[in-house]
Amino acid sequence: MRESYLTVGTAATRREPPEENTGPEIGDTRTFVPHDLLDETGLTGYGREGNGAVTGVCCFVNTRARWARYEYEHPGGGKAWECFKF
């Protein structure tokens, strides 16, 4: 059984385990469920059509604060961003 890994916030989940003491690099990809597609009862809005998972590309890394921003295509159209601590 595969576990979920929490991101910052209370609802979004990572689909991959956290890195071992190394930060992500620009261009790395990550699959996750965006925070805006979730509520207390599960997937909402555009996330209802599937599992809500998207694949984002790392576009910014803040090594001092240990977080990275991932850009992805939002299921409703347009680009969106999600940040993760590492």
N, C-alpha and C. Protein backbone atom coordinates (compact mmCIF):
# COMPACT_ATOMS: atom_id res chain seq x y z
N MET A 1 0.84 -1.19 0.00
CA MET A 1 0.00 0.00 0.00
C MET A 1 0.88 1.24 0.00
N ARG A 2 0.57 2.21 -0.82
CA ARG A 2 1.33 3.43 -0.94
C ARG A 2 0.77 4.51 -0.02
N GLU A 3 1.64 5.20 0.68
CA GLU A 3 1.21 6.25 1.60
C GLU A 3 1.10 7.59 0.89
N SER A 4 0.35 8.51 1.47
CA SER A 4 0.29 9.88 1.00
C SER A 4 1.24 10.71 1.84
N TYR A 5 1.84 11.71 1.24
CA TYR A 5 2.75 12.61 1.94
C TYR A 5 2.14 14.00 1.92
N LEU A 6 2.01 14.61 3.09
CA LEU A 6 1.37 15.92 3.20
C LEU A 6 2.28 17.03 2.72
N THR A 7 1.71 18.03 2.11
CA THR A 7 2.42 19.24 1.73
C THR A 7 2.13 20.28 2.81
N VAL A 8 2.58 21.52 2.57
CA VAL A 8 2.18 22.58 3.48
C VAL A 8 0.67 22.73 3.34
N GLY A 9 0.01 23.12 4.38
CA GLY A 9 -1.45 23.18 4.35
C GLY A 9 -2.01 21.89 4.93
N THR A 10 -3.31 21.77 4.91
CA THR A 10 -3.94 20.62 5.56
C THR A 10 -4.56 19.63 4.60
N ALA A 11 -4.72 19.97 3.33
CA ALA A 11 -5.48 19.09 2.46
C ALA A 11 -4.69 18.49 1.30
N ALA A 12 -3.82 19.25 0.65
CA ALA A 12 -3.12 18.76 -0.55
C ALA A 12 -2.19 17.61 -0.18
N THR A 13 -2.07 16.64 -1.07
CA THR A 13 -1.19 15.50 -0.81
C THR A 13 -0.21 15.30 -1.95
N ARG A 14 0.99 14.94 -1.61
CA ARG A 14 1.99 14.58 -2.62
C ARG A 14 1.75 13.14 -3.04
N ARG A 15 2.10 12.83 -4.25
CA ARG A 15 2.01 11.46 -4.75
C ARG A 15 3.38 10.78 -4.71
N GLU A 16 4.41 11.52 -4.39
CA GLU A 16 5.77 10.99 -4.35
C GLU A 16 6.34 11.21 -2.95
N PRO A 17 7.25 10.33 -2.49
CA PRO A 17 7.86 10.57 -1.17
C PRO A 17 8.78 11.78 -1.21
N PRO A 18 9.00 12.43 -0.07
CA PRO A 18 9.89 13.58 -0.05
C PRO A 18 11.33 13.18 -0.36
N GLU A 19 12.10 14.11 -0.91
CA GLU A 19 13.49 13.85 -1.25
C GLU A 19 14.34 13.67 0.01
N GLU A 20 15.42 12.94 -0.13
CA GLU A 20 16.34 12.69 0.98
C GLU A 20 17.35 13.82 1.08
N ASN A 21 17.11 14.81 1.93
CA ASN A 21 18.05 15.90 2.22
C ASN A 21 18.52 16.67 0.99
N THR A 22 17.85 16.55 -0.12
CA THR A 22 18.21 17.33 -1.30
C THR A 22 16.99 18.09 -1.78
N GLY A 23 17.22 19.27 -2.27
CA GLY A 23 16.12 20.06 -2.78
C GLY A 23 15.87 19.76 -4.24
N PRO A 24 14.69 20.12 -4.72
CA PRO A 24 14.39 19.95 -6.13
C PRO A 24 15.20 20.93 -6.97
N GLU A 25 15.27 20.66 -8.25
CA GLU A 25 15.96 21.55 -9.18
C GLU A 25 14.96 22.05 -10.21
N ILE A 26 15.28 23.19 -10.82
CA ILE A 26 14.42 23.75 -11.87
C ILE A 26 14.26 22.69 -12.96
N GLY A 27 13.01 22.47 -13.37
CA GLY A 27 12.73 21.49 -14.41
C GLY A 27 12.29 20.14 -13.88
N ASP A 28 12.49 19.87 -12.58
CA ASP A 28 12.00 18.62 -11.98
C ASP A 28 10.48 18.59 -12.04
N THR A 29 9.91 17.40 -12.10
CA THR A 29 8.46 17.27 -12.12
C THR A 29 7.98 16.59 -10.84
N ARG A 30 6.74 16.86 -10.51
CA ARG A 30 6.10 16.27 -9.33
C ARG A 30 4.62 16.10 -9.63
N THR A 31 4.05 14.97 -9.25
CA THR A 31 2.62 14.72 -9.41
C THR A 31 1.94 14.93 -8.07
N PHE A 32 0.86 15.71 -8.06
CA PHE A 32 0.16 16.06 -6.82
C PHE A 32 -1.27 16.44 -7.11
N VAL A 33 -2.07 16.50 -6.06
CA VAL A 33 -3.45 16.99 -6.16
C VAL A 33 -3.43 18.43 -5.68
N PRO A 34 -3.76 19.40 -6.55
CA PRO A 34 -3.75 20.80 -6.15
C PRO A 34 -4.70 21.08 -4.99
N HIS A 35 -4.28 21.95 -4.12
CA HIS A 35 -5.05 22.31 -2.93
C HIS A 35 -6.43 22.86 -3.29
N ASP A 36 -6.53 23.62 -4.38
CA ASP A 36 -7.82 24.24 -4.71
C ASP A 36 -8.85 23.24 -5.25
N LEU A 37 -8.45 22.00 -5.53
CA LEU A 37 -9.41 20.99 -5.98
C LEU A 37 -9.96 20.16 -4.83
N LEU A 38 -9.53 20.45 -3.60
CA LEU A 38 -9.95 19.66 -2.45
C LEU A 38 -10.75 20.49 -1.45
N ASP A 39 -11.65 19.83 -0.76
CA ASP A 39 -12.29 20.40 0.43
C ASP A 39 -12.38 19.30 1.47
N GLU A 40 -13.12 19.50 2.53
CA GLU A 40 -13.19 18.52 3.62
C GLU A 40 -13.77 17.18 3.18
N THR A 41 -14.58 17.18 2.13
CA THR A 41 -15.25 15.95 1.70
C THR A 41 -14.56 15.27 0.53
N GLY A 42 -13.51 15.85 -0.01
CA GLY A 42 -12.81 15.24 -1.14
C GLY A 42 -12.68 16.20 -2.30
N LEU A 43 -12.61 15.65 -3.50
CA LEU A 43 -12.41 16.46 -4.70
C LEU A 43 -13.63 17.33 -4.99
N THR A 44 -13.37 18.54 -5.46
CA THR A 44 -14.45 19.46 -5.83
C THR A 44 -14.23 19.96 -7.25
N GLY A 45 -15.23 20.53 -7.84
CA GLY A 45 -15.13 21.18 -9.14
C GLY A 45 -14.52 20.31 -10.22
N TYR A 46 -13.44 20.81 -10.83
CA TYR A 46 -12.80 20.12 -11.94
C TYR A 46 -12.18 18.79 -11.52
N GLY A 47 -11.88 18.62 -10.25
CA GLY A 47 -11.27 17.38 -9.78
C GLY A 47 -12.20 16.20 -9.79
N ARG A 48 -13.51 16.42 -9.91
CA ARG A 48 -14.47 15.32 -9.86
C ARG A 48 -14.38 14.40 -11.08
N GLU A 49 -13.88 14.88 -12.20
CA GLU A 49 -13.82 14.06 -13.41
C GLU A 49 -12.80 12.93 -13.29
N GLY A 50 -11.78 13.09 -12.48
CA GLY A 50 -10.75 12.06 -12.33
C GLY A 50 -10.26 12.05 -10.90
N ASN A 51 -9.01 11.68 -10.72
CA ASN A 51 -8.47 11.67 -9.36
C ASN A 51 -7.92 13.03 -8.96
N GLY A 52 -7.94 14.01 -9.87
CA GLY A 52 -7.50 15.36 -9.56
C GLY A 52 -6.01 15.58 -9.61
N ALA A 53 -5.24 14.54 -9.85
CA ALA A 53 -3.78 14.67 -9.87
C ALA A 53 -3.30 15.40 -11.12
N VAL A 54 -2.32 16.25 -10.95
CA VAL A 54 -1.68 16.97 -12.05
C VAL A 54 -0.17 16.77 -11.91
N THR A 55 0.55 17.04 -12.99
CA THR A 55 2.01 16.98 -12.95
C THR A 55 2.53 18.39 -13.15
N GLY A 56 3.31 18.88 -12.18
CA GLY A 56 3.87 20.22 -12.24
C GLY A 56 5.36 20.18 -12.52
N VAL A 57 5.86 21.27 -13.08
CA VAL A 57 7.29 21.43 -13.36
C VAL A 57 7.84 22.48 -12.42
N CYS A 58 8.95 22.19 -11.76
CA CYS A 58 9.56 23.12 -10.81
C CYS A 58 10.04 24.36 -11.56
N CYS A 59 9.57 25.54 -11.14
CA CYS A 59 9.94 26.78 -11.82
C CYS A 59 10.69 27.73 -10.89
N PHE A 60 10.75 27.44 -9.57
CA PHE A 60 11.46 28.30 -8.63
C PHE A 60 11.81 27.49 -7.39
N VAL A 61 13.03 27.67 -6.88
CA VAL A 61 13.45 26.99 -5.65
C VAL A 61 14.03 28.04 -4.71
N ASN A 62 13.54 28.07 -3.49
CA ASN A 62 14.09 28.94 -2.45
C ASN A 62 14.82 28.02 -1.48
N THR A 63 16.14 27.90 -1.67
CA THR A 63 16.91 26.95 -0.86
C THR A 63 17.03 27.39 0.59
N ARG A 64 17.05 28.68 0.83
CA ARG A 64 17.18 29.16 2.20
C ARG A 64 15.94 28.84 3.04
N ALA A 65 14.76 29.08 2.47
CA ALA A 65 13.50 28.79 3.17
C ALA A 65 13.02 27.36 2.93
N ARG A 66 13.69 26.64 2.03
CA ARG A 66 13.40 25.23 1.72
C ARG A 66 11.97 25.01 1.19
N TRP A 67 11.63 25.76 0.12
CA TRP A 67 10.38 25.52 -0.57
C TRP A 67 10.59 25.68 -2.06
N ALA A 68 9.71 25.05 -2.85
CA ALA A 68 9.80 25.12 -4.31
C ALA A 68 8.41 25.35 -4.89
N ARG A 69 8.37 26.08 -6.00
CA ARG A 69 7.10 26.37 -6.69
C ARG A 69 7.03 25.53 -7.96
N TYR A 70 5.87 24.89 -8.15
CA TYR A 70 5.63 24.05 -9.33
C TYR A 70 4.51 24.66 -10.16
N GLU A 71 4.74 24.77 -11.47
CA GLU A 71 3.75 25.29 -12.41
C GLU A 71 3.08 24.12 -13.10
N TYR A 72 1.76 24.21 -13.25
CA TYR A 72 1.02 23.13 -13.91
C TYR A 72 -0.16 23.70 -14.67
N GLU A 73 -0.70 22.90 -15.57
CA GLU A 73 -1.91 23.27 -16.31
C GLU A 73 -3.12 22.92 -15.44
N HIS A 74 -3.90 23.93 -15.08
CA HIS A 74 -5.08 23.69 -14.24
C HIS A 74 -6.14 22.96 -15.07
N PRO A 75 -6.83 21.96 -14.47
CA PRO A 75 -7.86 21.24 -15.21
C PRO A 75 -8.95 22.15 -15.78
N GLY A 76 -9.18 23.31 -15.18
CA GLY A 76 -10.19 24.24 -15.67
C GLY A 76 -9.66 25.17 -16.75
N GLY A 77 -8.37 25.05 -17.07
CA GLY A 77 -7.75 25.90 -18.07
C GLY A 77 -6.80 26.90 -17.44
N GLY A 78 -5.76 27.24 -18.13
CA GLY A 78 -4.79 28.20 -17.65
C GLY A 78 -3.69 27.56 -16.81
N LYS A 79 -2.69 28.38 -16.49
CA LYS A 79 -1.58 27.92 -15.67
C LYS A 79 -1.85 28.24 -14.21
N ALA A 80 -1.34 27.39 -13.34
CA ALA A 80 -1.48 27.59 -11.90
C ALA A 80 -0.18 27.15 -11.24
N TRP A 81 -0.01 27.50 -9.96
CA TRP A 81 1.22 27.21 -9.23
C TRP A 81 0.88 26.64 -7.86
N GLU A 82 1.72 25.75 -7.38
CA GLU A 82 1.58 25.18 -6.04
C GLU A 82 2.98 25.13 -5.44
N CYS A 83 3.09 25.44 -4.15
CA CYS A 83 4.40 25.44 -3.48
C CYS A 83 4.47 24.31 -2.46
N PHE A 84 5.66 23.73 -2.33
CA PHE A 84 5.92 22.65 -1.41
C PHE A 84 7.17 22.92 -0.62
N LYS A 85 7.15 22.58 0.67
CA LYS A 85 8.35 22.61 1.50
C LYS A 85 9.15 21.35 1.19
N PHE A 86 10.48 21.42 1.37
CA PHE A 86 11.30 20.22 1.23
C PHE A 86 12.32 20.14 2.32
